[in-house]
PDB file of N, CA and C in Angstrom:
ATOM      1  N   MET A   1       1.039  -3.772 -13.281  1.00  0.00           N
ATOM      2  CA  MET A   1       0.379  -4.573 -12.275  1.00  0.00           C
ATOM      3  C   MET A   1       0.642  -3.981 -10.898  1.00  0.00           C
ATOM      4  N   SER A   2      -0.327  -4.103 -10.039  1.00  0.00           N
ATOM      5  CA  SER A   2      -0.214  -3.611  -8.678  1.00  0.00           C
ATOM      6  C   SER A   2       0.738  -4.477  -7.865  1.00  0.00           C
ATOM      7  N   ASP A   3       1.400  -3.869  -6.896  1.00  0.00           N
ATOM      8  CA  ASP A   3       2.229  -4.636  -5.964  1.00  0.00           C
ATOM      9  C   ASP A   3       1.391  -5.607  -5.145  1.00  0.00           C
ATOM     10  N   TYR A   4       0.087  -5.403  -5.128  1.00  0.00           N
ATOM     11  CA  TYR A   4      -0.815  -6.210  -4.312  1.00  0.00           C
ATOM     12  C   TYR A   4      -1.717  -7.091  -5.161  1.00  0.00           C
ATOM     13  N   GLY A   5      -1.245  -7.477  -6.355  1.00  0.00           N
ATOM     14  CA  GLY A   5      -1.974  -8.392  -7.212  1.00  0.00           C
ATOM     15  C   GLY A   5      -3.008  -7.704  -8.073  1.00  0.00           C
ATOM     16  N   ALA A   6      -3.724  -8.514  -8.830  1.00  0.00           N
ATOM     17  CA  ALA A   6      -4.696  -8.006  -9.790  1.00  0.00           C
ATOM     18  C   ALA A   6      -5.972  -7.504  -9.121  1.00  0.00           C
ATOM     19  N   ASP A   7      -6.248  -7.956  -7.895  1.00  0.00           N
ATOM     20  CA  ASP A   7      -7.502  -7.605  -7.231  1.00  0.00           C
ATOM     21  C   ASP A   7      -7.252  -7.234  -5.769  1.00  0.00           C
ATOM     22  N   PRO A   8      -6.485  -6.165  -5.519  1.00  0.00           N
ATOM     23  CA  PRO A   8      -6.202  -5.816  -4.122  1.00  0.00           C
ATOM     24  C   PRO A   8      -7.464  -5.381  -3.383  1.00  0.00           C
ATOM     25  N   HIS A   9      -7.430  -5.556  -2.077  1.00  0.00           N
ATOM     26  CA  HIS A   9      -8.530  -5.126  -1.217  1.00  0.00           C
ATOM     27  C   HIS A   9      -7.977  -4.116  -0.220  1.00  0.00           C
ATOM     28  N   GLY A  10      -8.785  -3.143   0.148  1.00  0.00           N
ATOM     29  CA  GLY A  10      -8.311  -2.185   1.124  1.00  0.00           C
ATOM     30  C   GLY A  10      -9.321  -1.118   1.439  1.00  0.00           C
ATOM     31  N   ILE A  11      -8.884  -0.191   2.250  1.00  0.00           N
ATOM     32  CA  ILE A  11      -9.718   0.940   2.633  1.00  0.00           C
ATOM     33  C   ILE A  11      -8.810   2.141   2.886  1.00  0.00           C
ATOM     34  N   VAL A  12      -9.307   3.301   2.522  1.00  0.00           N
ATOM     35  CA  VAL A  12      -8.632   4.564   2.807  1.00  0.00           C
ATOM     36  C   VAL A  12      -9.674   5.474   3.434  1.00  0.00           C
ATOM     37  N   ILE A  13      -9.318   6.088   4.533  1.00  0.00           N
ATOM     38  CA  ILE A  13     -10.213   7.030   5.200  1.00  0.00           C
ATOM     39  C   ILE A  13      -9.492   8.363   5.307  1.00  0.00           C
ATOM     40  N   PHE A  14     -10.107   9.395   4.740  1.00  0.00           N
ATOM     41  CA  PHE A  14      -9.620  10.768   4.867  1.00  0.00           C
ATOM     42  C   PHE A  14     -10.658  11.538   5.674  1.00  0.00           C
ATOM     43  N   THR A  15     -10.249  12.167   6.761  1.00  0.00           N
ATOM     44  CA  THR A  15     -11.196  12.963   7.540  1.00  0.00           C
ATOM     45  C   THR A  15     -11.031  14.435   7.182  1.00  0.00           C
ATOM     46  N   PRO A  16     -12.078  15.226   7.390  1.00  0.00           N
ATOM     47  CA  PRO A  16     -12.001  16.652   7.059  1.00  0.00           C
ATOM     48  C   PRO A  16     -10.924  17.413   7.824  1.00  0.00           C
ATOM     49  N   ASP A  17     -10.526  16.904   8.992  1.00  0.00           N
ATOM     50  CA  ASP A  17      -9.502  17.601   9.788  1.00  0.00           C
ATOM     51  C   ASP A  17      -8.085  17.146   9.441  1.00  0.00           C
ATOM     52  N   GLY A  18      -7.912  16.391   8.329  1.00  0.00           N
ATOM     53  CA  GLY A  18      -6.578  16.064   7.847  1.00  0.00           C
ATOM     54  C   GLY A  18      -5.985  14.752   8.327  1.00  0.00           C
ATOM     55  N   ARG A  19      -6.774  13.910   8.959  1.00  0.00           N
ATOM     56  CA  ARG A  19      -6.292  12.597   9.397  1.00  0.00           C
ATOM     57  C   ARG A  19      -6.569  11.570   8.302  1.00  0.00           C
ATOM     58  N   CYS A  20      -5.760  10.489   8.285  1.00  0.00           N
ATOM     59  CA  CYS A  20      -5.978   9.444   7.289  1.00  0.00           C
ATOM     60  C   CYS A  20      -5.533   8.087   7.816  1.00  0.00           C
ATOM     61  N   VAL A  21      -6.145   7.058   7.230  1.00  0.00           N
ATOM     62  CA  VAL A  21      -5.774   5.669   7.481  1.00  0.00           C
ATOM     63  C   VAL A  21      -5.787   4.978   6.127  1.00  0.00           C
ATOM     64  N   VAL A  22      -4.732   4.218   5.807  1.00  0.00           N
ATOM     65  CA  VAL A  22      -4.625   3.488   4.553  1.00  0.00           C
ATOM     66  C   VAL A  22      -4.310   2.033   4.877  1.00  0.00           C
ATOM     67  N   GLU A  23      -5.097   1.106   4.341  1.00  0.00           N
ATOM     68  CA  GLU A  23      -4.863  -0.331   4.506  1.00  0.00           C
ATOM     69  C   GLU A  23      -5.032  -0.994   3.150  1.00  0.00           C
ATOM     70  N   ILE A  24      -4.027  -1.730   2.680  1.00  0.00           N
ATOM     71  CA  ILE A  24      -4.080  -2.417   1.388  1.00  0.00           C
ATOM     72  C   ILE A  24      -3.611  -3.854   1.590  1.00  0.00           C
ATOM     73  N   PHE A  25      -4.349  -4.795   0.997  1.00  0.00           N
ATOM     74  CA  PHE A  25      -4.022  -6.206   1.126  1.00  0.00           C
ATOM     75  C   PHE A  25      -4.080  -6.888  -0.239  1.00  0.00           C
ATOM     76  N   ARG A  26      -3.132  -7.771  -0.503  1.00  0.00           N
ATOM     77  CA  ARG A  26      -3.199  -8.616  -1.693  1.00  0.00           C
ATOM     78  C   ARG A  26      -4.354  -9.600  -1.493  1.00  0.00           C
ATOM     79  N   SER A  27      -5.099  -9.874  -2.541  1.00  0.00           N
ATOM     80  CA  SER A  27      -6.287 -10.725  -2.404  1.00  0.00           C
ATOM     81  C   SER A  27      -5.949 -12.199  -2.216  1.00  0.00           C
ATOM     82  N   ASP A  28      -4.797 -12.645  -2.675  1.00  0.00           N
ATOM     83  CA  ASP A  28      -4.460 -14.073  -2.612  1.00  0.00           C
ATOM     84  C   ASP A  28      -3.469 -14.384  -1.489  1.00  0.00           C
ATOM     85  N   ARG A  29      -3.693 -13.785  -0.316  1.00  0.00           N
ATOM     86  CA  ARG A  29      -2.791 -14.001   0.817  1.00  0.00           C
ATOM     87  C   ARG A  29      -2.831 -15.454   1.275  1.00  0.00           C
ATOM     88  N   LYS A  30      -1.661 -15.980   1.636  1.00  0.00           N
ATOM     89  CA  LYS A  30      -1.545 -17.372   2.061  1.00  0.00           C
ATOM     90  C   LYS A  30      -1.851 -17.491   3.550  1.00  0.00           C
ATOM     91  N   LYS A  31      -2.573 -18.535   3.910  1.00  0.00           N
ATOM     92  CA  LYS A  31      -2.878 -18.820   5.313  1.00  0.00           C
ATOM     93  C   LYS A  31      -1.674 -19.504   5.970  1.00  0.00           C
ATOM     94  N   PHE A  32      -1.511 -19.310   7.265  1.00  0.00           N
ATOM     95  CA  PHE A  32      -0.482 -20.015   8.029  1.00  0.00           C
ATOM     96  C   PHE A  32      -0.938 -21.459   8.231  1.00  0.00           C
ATOM     97  N   ALA A  33      -0.062 -22.416   7.950  1.00  0.00           N
ATOM     98  CA  ALA A  33      -0.402 -23.838   8.088  1.00  0.00           C
ATOM     99  C   ALA A  33      -0.778 -24.179   9.530  1.00  0.00           C
ATOM    100  N   SER A  34      -0.123 -23.531  10.502  1.00  0.00           N
ATOM    101  CA  SER A  34      -0.370 -23.824  11.919  1.00  0.00           C
ATOM    102  C   SER A  34      -1.663 -23.196  12.435  1.00  0.00           C
ATOM    103  N   ASN A  35      -2.230 -22.247  11.697  1.00  0.00           N
ATOM    104  CA  ASN A  35      -3.390 -21.473  12.130  1.00  0.00           C
ATOM    105  C   ASN A  35      -3.080 -20.681  13.416  1.00  0.00           C
ATOM    106  N   ASP A  36      -1.798 -20.379  13.645  1.00  0.00           N
ATOM    107  CA  ASP A  36      -1.356 -19.655  14.841  1.00  0.00           C
ATOM    108  C   ASP A  36      -0.389 -18.555  14.396  1.00  0.00           C
ATOM    109  N   ARG A  37      -0.762 -17.302  14.579  1.00  0.00           N
ATOM    110  CA  ARG A  37       0.087 -16.202  14.096  1.00  0.00           C
ATOM    111  C   ARG A  37       1.448 -16.153  14.784  1.00  0.00           C
ATOM    112  N   ALA A  38       1.594 -16.785  15.929  1.00  0.00           N
ATOM    113  CA  ALA A  38       2.871 -16.814  16.638  1.00  0.00           C
ATOM    114  C   ALA A  38       3.708 -18.039  16.274  1.00  0.00           C
ATOM    115  N   ALA A  39       3.211 -18.868  15.354  1.00  0.00           N
ATOM    116  CA  ALA A  39       3.929 -20.100  15.005  1.00  0.00           C
ATOM    117  C   ALA A  39       4.055 -20.257  13.490  1.00  0.00           C
ATOM    118  N   GLY A  40       4.302 -19.153  12.801  1.00  0.00           N
ATOM    119  CA  GLY A  40       4.478 -19.213  11.356  1.00  0.00           C
ATOM    120  C   GLY A  40       5.896 -19.589  10.973  1.00  0.00           C
ATOM    121  N   THR A  41       6.045 -19.989   9.730  1.00  0.00           N
ATOM    122  CA  THR A  41       7.380 -20.259   9.195  1.00  0.00           C
ATOM    123  C   THR A  41       7.977 -18.945   8.700  1.00  0.00           C
ATOM    124  N   PRO A  42       9.292 -18.887   8.503  1.00  0.00           N
ATOM    125  CA  PRO A  42       9.878 -17.663   7.945  1.00  0.00           C
ATOM    126  C   PRO A  42       9.225 -17.263   6.614  1.00  0.00           C
ATOM    127  N   GLU A  43       8.887 -18.223   5.774  1.00  0.00           N
ATOM    128  CA  GLU A  43       8.250 -17.920   4.491  1.00  0.00           C
ATOM    129  C   GLU A  43       6.845 -17.347   4.692  1.00  0.00           C
ATOM    130  N   GLU A  44       6.105 -17.898   5.679  1.00  0.00           N
ATOM    131  CA  GLU A  44       4.759 -17.389   5.957  1.00  0.00           C
ATOM    132  C   GLU A  44       4.817 -15.957   6.480  1.00  0.00           C
ATOM    133  N   TYR A  45       5.762 -15.670   7.377  1.00  0.00           N
ATOM    134  CA  TYR A  45       5.908 -14.305   7.887  1.00  0.00           C
ATOM    135  C   TYR A  45       6.293 -13.338   6.770  1.00  0.00           C
ATOM    136  N   LYS A  46       7.197 -13.771   5.917  1.00  0.00           N
ATOM    137  CA  LYS A  46       7.622 -12.924   4.793  1.00  0.00           C
ATOM    138  C   LYS A  46       6.440 -12.611   3.877  1.00  0.00           C
ATOM    139  N   ASP A  47       5.662 -13.625   3.524  1.00  0.00           N
ATOM    140  CA  ASP A  47       4.512 -13.406   2.657  1.00  0.00           C
ATOM    141  C   ASP A  47       3.485 -12.501   3.333  1.00  0.00           C
ATOM    142  N   ALA A  48       3.274 -12.696   4.633  1.00  0.00           N
ATOM    143  CA  ALA A  48       2.289 -11.884   5.356  1.00  0.00           C
ATOM    144  C   ALA A  48       2.652 -10.402   5.317  1.00  0.00           C
ATOM    145  N   ILE A  49       3.920 -10.074   5.538  1.00  0.00           N
ATOM    146  CA  ILE A  49       4.312  -8.664   5.552  1.00  0.00           C
ATOM    147  C   ILE A  49       4.373  -8.076   4.145  1.00  0.00           C
ATOM    148  N   MET A  50       4.771  -8.885   3.166  1.00  0.00           N
ATOM    149  CA  MET A  50       4.898  -8.378   1.800  1.00  0.00           C
ATOM    150  C   MET A  50       3.558  -8.284   1.077  1.00  0.00           C
ATOM    151  N   SER A  51       2.500  -8.854   1.662  1.00  0.00           N
ATOM    152  CA  SER A  51       1.199  -8.831   0.994  1.00  0.00           C
ATOM    153  C   SER A  51       0.261  -7.782   1.572  1.00  0.00           C
ATOM    154  N   THR A  52       0.792  -6.897   2.412  1.00  0.00           N
ATOM    155  CA  THR A  52      -0.047  -5.872   3.020  1.00  0.00           C
ATOM    156  C   THR A  52       0.743  -4.585   3.228  1.00  0.00           C
ATOM    157  N   SER A  53       0.027  -3.499   3.278  1.00  0.00           N
ATOM    158  CA  SER A  53       0.638  -2.214   3.597  1.00  0.00           C
ATOM    159  C   SER A  53      -0.403  -1.365   4.315  1.00  0.00           C
ATOM    160  N   GLY A  54       0.014  -0.733   5.367  1.00  0.00           N
ATOM    161  CA  GLY A  54      -0.901   0.133   6.100  1.00  0.00           C
ATOM    162  C   GLY A  54      -0.156   1.251   6.789  1.00  0.00           C
ATOM    163  N   HIS A  55      -0.817   2.383   6.903  1.00  0.00           N
ATOM    164  CA  HIS A  55      -0.254   3.482   7.682  1.00  0.00           C
ATOM    165  C   HIS A  55      -1.367   4.431   8.094  1.00  0.00           C
ATOM    166  N   PHE A  56      -1.073   5.244   9.116  1.00  0.00           N
ATOM    167  CA  PHE A  56      -2.010   6.279   9.546  1.00  0.00           C
ATOM    168  C   PHE A  56      -1.237   7.517   9.939  1.00  0.00           C
ATOM    169  N   GLY A  57      -1.916   8.621   9.900  1.00  0.00           N
ATOM    170  CA  GLY A  57      -1.302   9.901  10.245  1.00  0.00           C
ATOM    171  C   GLY A  57      -2.135  11.041   9.712  1.00  0.00           C
ATOM    172  N   HIS A  58      -1.467  12.004   9.082  1.00  0.00           N
ATOM    173  CA  HIS A  58      -2.124  13.178   8.516  1.00  0.00           C
ATOM    174  C   HIS A  58      -1.830  13.256   7.017  1.00  0.00           C
ATOM    175  N   TYR A  59      -2.672  13.991   6.311  1.00  0.00           N
ATOM    176  CA  TYR A  59      -2.443  14.185   4.881  1.00  0.00           C
ATOM    177  C   TYR A  59      -2.613  15.653   4.527  1.00  0.00           C
ATOM    178  N   VAL A  60      -1.936  16.073   3.462  1.00  0.00           N
ATOM    179  CA  VAL A  60      -2.046  17.429   2.926  1.00  0.00           C
ATOM    180  C   VAL A  60      -2.124  17.305   1.409  1.00  0.00           C
ATOM    181  N   VAL A  61      -3.115  17.953   0.825  1.00  0.00           N
ATOM    182  CA  VAL A  61      -3.294  17.936  -0.629  1.00  0.00           C
ATOM    183  C   VAL A  61      -2.837  19.267  -1.209  1.00  0.00           C
ATOM    184  N   ASP A  62      -2.020  19.204  -2.262  1.00  0.00           N
ATOM    185  CA  ASP A  62      -1.626  20.393  -3.017  1.00  0.00           C
ATOM    186  C   ASP A  62      -2.274  20.268  -4.394  1.00  0.00           C
ATOM    187  N   VAL A  63      -3.389  20.945  -4.576  1.00  0.00           N
ATOM    188  CA  VAL A  63      -4.166  20.834  -5.817  1.00  0.00           C
ATOM    189  C   VAL A  63      -3.368  21.337  -7.012  1.00  0.00           C
ATOM    190  N   GLU A  64      -2.635  22.430  -6.856  1.00  0.00           N
ATOM    191  CA  GLU A  64      -1.870  22.992  -7.973  1.00  0.00           C
ATOM    192  C   GLU A  64      -0.793  22.035  -8.473  1.00  0.00           C
ATOM    193  N   LYS A  65      -0.143  21.319  -7.569  1.00  0.00           N
ATOM    194  CA  LYS A  65       0.905  20.366  -7.958  1.00  0.00           C
ATOM    195  C   LYS A  65       0.369  18.950  -8.167  1.00  0.00           C
ATOM    196  N   SER A  66      -0.909  18.739  -7.865  1.00  0.00           N
ATOM    197  CA  SER A  66      -1.529  17.400  -7.915  1.00  0.00           C
ATOM    198  C   SER A  66      -0.756  16.398  -7.071  1.00  0.00           C
ATOM    199  N   THR A  67      -0.407  16.830  -5.842  1.00  0.00           N
ATOM    200  CA  THR A  67       0.293  15.925  -4.932  1.00  0.00           C
ATOM    201  C   THR A  67      -0.498  15.742  -3.647  1.00  0.00           C
ATOM    202  N   ILE A  68      -0.296  14.599  -3.057  1.00  0.00           N
ATOM    203  CA  ILE A  68      -0.835  14.329  -1.726  1.00  0.00           C
ATOM    204  C   ILE A  68       0.331  13.866  -0.865  1.00  0.00           C
ATOM    205  N   SER A  69       0.484  14.507   0.282  1.00  0.00           N
ATOM    206  CA  SER A  69       1.572  14.174   1.204  1.00  0.00           C
ATOM    207  C   SER A  69       0.979  13.483   2.421  1.00  0.00           C
ATOM    208  N   PHE A  70       1.523  12.319   2.727  1.00  0.00           N
ATOM    209  CA  PHE A  70       1.111  11.577   3.908  1.00  0.00           C
ATOM    210  C   PHE A  70       2.184  11.769   4.969  1.00  0.00           C
ATOM    211  N   LYS A  71       1.818  12.404   6.060  1.00  0.00           N
ATOM    212  CA  LYS A  71       2.719  12.556   7.199  1.00  0.00           C
ATOM    213  C   LYS A  71       2.440  11.356   8.107  1.00  0.00           C
ATOM    214  N   VAL A  72       3.251  10.332   7.955  1.00  0.00           N
ATOM    215  CA  VAL A  72       2.996   9.035   8.568  1.00  0.00           C
ATOM    216  C   VAL A  72       3.369   9.052  10.044  1.00  0.00           C
ATOM    217  N   ASP A  73       2.400   8.685  10.881  1.00  0.00           N
ATOM    218  CA  ASP A  73       2.672   8.488  12.301  1.00  0.00           C
ATOM    219  C   ASP A  73       3.265   7.092  12.481  1.00  0.00           C
ATOM    220  N   ARG A  74       2.524   6.058  12.085  1.00  0.00           N
ATOM    221  CA  ARG A  74       3.007   4.683  12.158  1.00  0.00           C
ATOM    222  C   ARG A  74       2.573   3.934  10.907  1.00  0.00           C
ATOM    223  N   ALA A  75       3.418   2.945  10.522  1.00  0.00           N
ATOM    224  CA  ALA A  75       3.169   2.174   9.308  1.00  0.00           C
ATOM    225  C   ALA A  75       3.541   0.711   9.520  1.00  0.00           C
ATOM    226  N   SER A  76       2.984  -0.145   8.682  1.00  0.00           N
ATOM    227  CA  SER A  76       3.345  -1.561   8.744  1.00  0.00           C
ATOM    228  C   SER A  76       4.817  -1.767   8.393  1.00  0.00           C
ATOM    229  N   PHE A  77       5.380  -0.868   7.595  1.00  0.00           N
ATOM    230  CA  PHE A  77       6.816  -0.874   7.305  1.00  0.00           C
ATOM    231  C   PHE A  77       7.449   0.146   8.242  1.00  0.00           C
ATOM    232  N   PRO A  78       8.175  -0.290   9.268  1.00  0.00           N
ATOM    233  CA  PRO A  78       8.634   0.625  10.315  1.00  0.00           C
ATOM    234  C   PRO A  78       9.510   1.772   9.833  1.00  0.00           C
ATOM    235  N   ASN A  79      10.164   1.627   8.704  1.00  0.00           N
ATOM    236  CA  ASN A  79      11.016   2.703   8.193  1.00  0.00           C
ATOM    237  C   ASN A  79      10.204   3.933   7.774  1.00  0.00           C
ATOM    238  N   TRP A  80       8.891   3.762   7.591  1.00  0.00           N
ATOM    239  CA  TRP A  80       8.037   4.899   7.235  1.00  0.00           C
ATOM    240  C   TRP A  80       7.542   5.670   8.454  1.00  0.00           C
ATOM    241  N   ASP A  81       7.710   5.125   9.675  1.00  0.00           N
ATOM    242  CA  ASP A  81       7.266   5.836  10.878  1.00  0.00           C
ATOM    243  C   ASP A  81       7.914   7.217  10.926  1.00  0.00           C
ATOM    244  N   ASP A  82       7.104   8.221  11.226  1.00  0.00           N
ATOM    245  CA  ASP A  82       7.583   9.606  11.377  1.00  0.00           C
ATOM    246  C   ASP A  82       8.249  10.150  10.116  1.00  0.00           C
ATOM    247  N   THR A  83       7.741   9.762   8.941  1.00  0.00           N
ATOM    248  CA  THR A  83       8.240  10.282   7.667  1.00  0.00           C
ATOM    249  C   THR A  83       7.088  10.910   6.895  1.00  0.00           C
ATOM    250  N   THR A  84       7.421  11.568   5.800  1.00  0.00           N
ATOM    251  CA  THR A  84       6.417  12.104   4.884  1.00  0.00           C
ATOM    252  C   THR A  84       6.583  11.410   3.544  1.00  0.00           C
ATOM    253  N   ARG A  85       5.505  10.829   3.047  1.00  0.00           N
ATOM    254  CA  ARG A  85       5.462  10.130   1.763  1.00  0.00           C
ATOM    255  C   ARG A  85       4.651  10.997   0.807  1.00  0.00           C
ATOM    256  N   VAL A  86       5.190  11.310  -0.358  1.00  0.00           N
ATOM    257  CA  VAL A  86       4.516  12.189  -1.308  1.00  0.00           C
ATOM    258  C   VAL A  86       4.243  11.433  -2.599  1.00  0.00           C
ATOM    259  N   GLY A  87       3.028  11.554  -3.101  1.00  0.00           N
ATOM    260  CA  GLY A  87       2.671  10.953  -4.377  1.00  0.00           C
ATOM    261  C   GLY A  87       1.813  11.910  -5.186  1.00  0.00           C
ATOM    262  N   THR A  88       1.731  11.654  -6.475  1.00  0.00           N
ATOM    263  CA  THR A  88       0.857  12.457  -7.325  1.00  0.00           C
ATOM    264  C   THR A  88      -0.528  11.820  -7.328  1.00  0.00           C
ATOM    265  N   PHE A  89      -1.544  12.633  -7.609  1.00  0.00           N
ATOM    266  CA  PHE A  89      -2.892  12.090  -7.636  1.00  0.00           C
ATOM    267  C   PHE A  89      -3.646  12.575  -8.862  1.00  0.00           C
ATOM    268  N   THR A  90      -4.693  11.814  -9.180  1.00  0.00           N
ATOM    269  CA  THR A  90      -5.660  12.219 -10.195  1.00  0.00           C
ATOM    270  C   THR A  90      -7.044  12.086  -9.568  1.00  0.00           C
ATOM    271  N   LEU A  91      -7.941  12.934  -9.999  1.00  0.00           N
ATOM    272  CA  LEU A  91      -9.324  12.868  -9.559  1.00  0.00           C
ATOM    273  C   LEU A  91     -10.179  12.813 -10.809  1.00  0.00           C
ATOM    274  N   THR A  92     -10.805  11.680 -11.038  1.00  0.00           N
ATOM    275  CA  THR A  92     -11.630  11.468 -12.219  1.00  0.00           C
ATOM    276  C   THR A  92     -13.025  11.116 -11.749  1.00  0.00           C
ATOM    277  N   GLY A  93     -13.972  12.017 -12.011  1.00  0.00           N
ATOM    278  CA  GLY A  93     -15.309  11.799 -11.472  1.00  0.00           C
ATOM    279  C   GLY A  93     -15.216  11.789  -9.960  1.00  0.00           C
ATOM    280  N   GLY A  94     -15.685  10.720  -9.352  1.00  0.00           N
ATOM    281  CA  GLY A  94     -15.602  10.593  -7.901  1.00  0.00           C
ATOM    282  C   GLY A  94     -14.484   9.684  -7.447  1.00  0.00           C
ATOM    283  N   THR A  95     -13.536   9.375  -8.331  1.00  0.00           N
ATOM    284  CA  THR A  95     -12.471   8.440  -7.977  1.00  0.00           C
ATOM    285  C   THR A  95     -11.142   9.164  -7.815  1.00  0.00           C
ATOM    286  N   LEU A  96     -10.573   9.051  -6.621  1.00  0.00           N
ATOM    287  CA  LEU A  96      -9.249   9.592  -6.330  1.00  0.00           C
ATOM    288  C   LEU A  96      -8.244   8.457  -6.467  1.00  0.00           C
ATOM    289  N   ALA A  97      -7.207   8.677  -7.227  1.00  0.00           N
ATOM    290  CA  ALA A  97      -6.112   7.703  -7.351  1.00  0.00           C
ATOM    291  C   ALA A  97      -4.809   8.436  -7.115  1.00  0.00           C
ATOM    292  N   TRP A  98      -3.968   7.894  -6.242  1.00  0.00           N
ATOM    293  CA  TRP A  98      -2.652   8.491  -6.068  1.00  0.00           C
ATOM    294  C   TRP A  98      -1.610   7.454  -6.442  1.00  0.00           C
ATOM    295  N   HIS A  99      -0.477   7.960  -6.821  1.00  0.00           N
ATOM    296  CA  HIS A  99       0.568   7.125  -7.381  1.00  0.00           C
ATOM    297  C   HIS A  99       1.852   7.356  -6.598  1.00  0.00           C
ATOM    298  N   THR A 100       2.431   6.256  -6.147  1.00  0.00           N
ATOM    299  CA  THR A 100       3.694   6.332  -5.422  1.00  0.00           C
ATOM    300  C   THR A 100       4.714   5.479  -6.147  1.00  0.00           C
ATOM    301  N   ARG A 101       5.931   5.628  -5.758  1.00  0.00           N
ATOM    302  CA  ARG A 101       6.988   4.811  -6.335  1.00  0.00           C
ATOM    303  C   ARG A 101       6.671   3.348  -6.063  1.00  0.00           C
ATOM    304  N   ARG A 102       6.820   2.521  -7.078  1.00  0.00           N
ATOM    305  CA  ARG A 102       6.510   1.094  -6.954  1.00  0.00           C
ATOM    306  C   ARG A 102       7.372   0.458  -5.865  1.00  0.00           C
ATOM    307  N   ALA A 103       6.737  -0.352  -5.048  1.00  0.00           N
ATOM    308  CA  ALA A 103       7.459  -1.077  -3.994  1.00  0.00           C
ATOM    309  C   ALA A 103       8.381  -2.121  -4.622  1.00  0.00           C
ATOM    310  N   LEU A 104       9.204  -2.702  -3.817  1.00  0.00           N
ATOM    311  CA  LEU A 104      10.206  -3.637  -4.306  1.00  0.00           C
ATOM    312  C   LEU A 104       9.747  -5.091  -4.172  1.00  0.00           C
ATOM    313  N   MET A 105       8.433  -5.330  -4.217  1.00  0.00           N
ATOM    314  CA  MET A 105       7.919  -6.679  -3.989  1.00  0.00           C
ATOM    315  C   MET A 105       8.509  -7.693  -4.961  1.00  0.00           C
ATOM    316  N   ASP A 106       8.671  -7.318  -6.228  1.00  0.00           N
ATOM    317  CA  ASP A 106       9.171  -8.276  -7.212  1.00  0.00           C
ATOM    318  C   ASP A 106      10.528  -8.837  -6.805  1.00  0.00           C
ATOM    319  N   ARG A 107      11.326  -8.041  -6.126  1.00  0.00           N
ATOM    320  CA  ARG A 107      12.655  -8.466  -5.695  1.00  0.00           C
ATOM    321  C   ARG A 107      12.559  -9.601  -4.671  1.00  0.00           C
ATOM    322  N   PHE A 108      11.449  -9.652  -3.923  1.00  0.00           N
ATOM    323  CA  PHE A 108      11.335 -10.600  -2.833  1.00  0.00           C
ATOM    324  C   PHE A 108      10.478 -11.814  -3.160  1.00  0.00           C
ATOM    325  N   GLN A 109       9.947 -11.899  -4.347  1.00  0.00           N
ATOM    326  CA  GLN A 109       9.098 -13.039  -4.686  1.00  0.00           C
ATOM    327  C   GLN A 109       9.854 -14.096  -5.416  1.00  0.00           C
TER     328      GLN A 109
END
């Protein structure tokens, strides 16, 4: 199962000059009861951050190793800022899928 539920939503943009943007959201995100992003409860803030992932920067593909490296400029998880994240990928037909180490979401739910 995906860290972002059975039906995640998102977008990935790869530009020819090596730039990228990745945004992933769990489909069943909970709304804040206050309807005010500055007045959430600790549980609402926790769910909001754990139900999304995003980063932007540059990417490099190594076809021989089937890896894609993301040189992250900034990310929703601040520990990824200015790091390189590497995952393996598959290309089947017109679908690119890359695989990274599973996040620790289960630990926090």
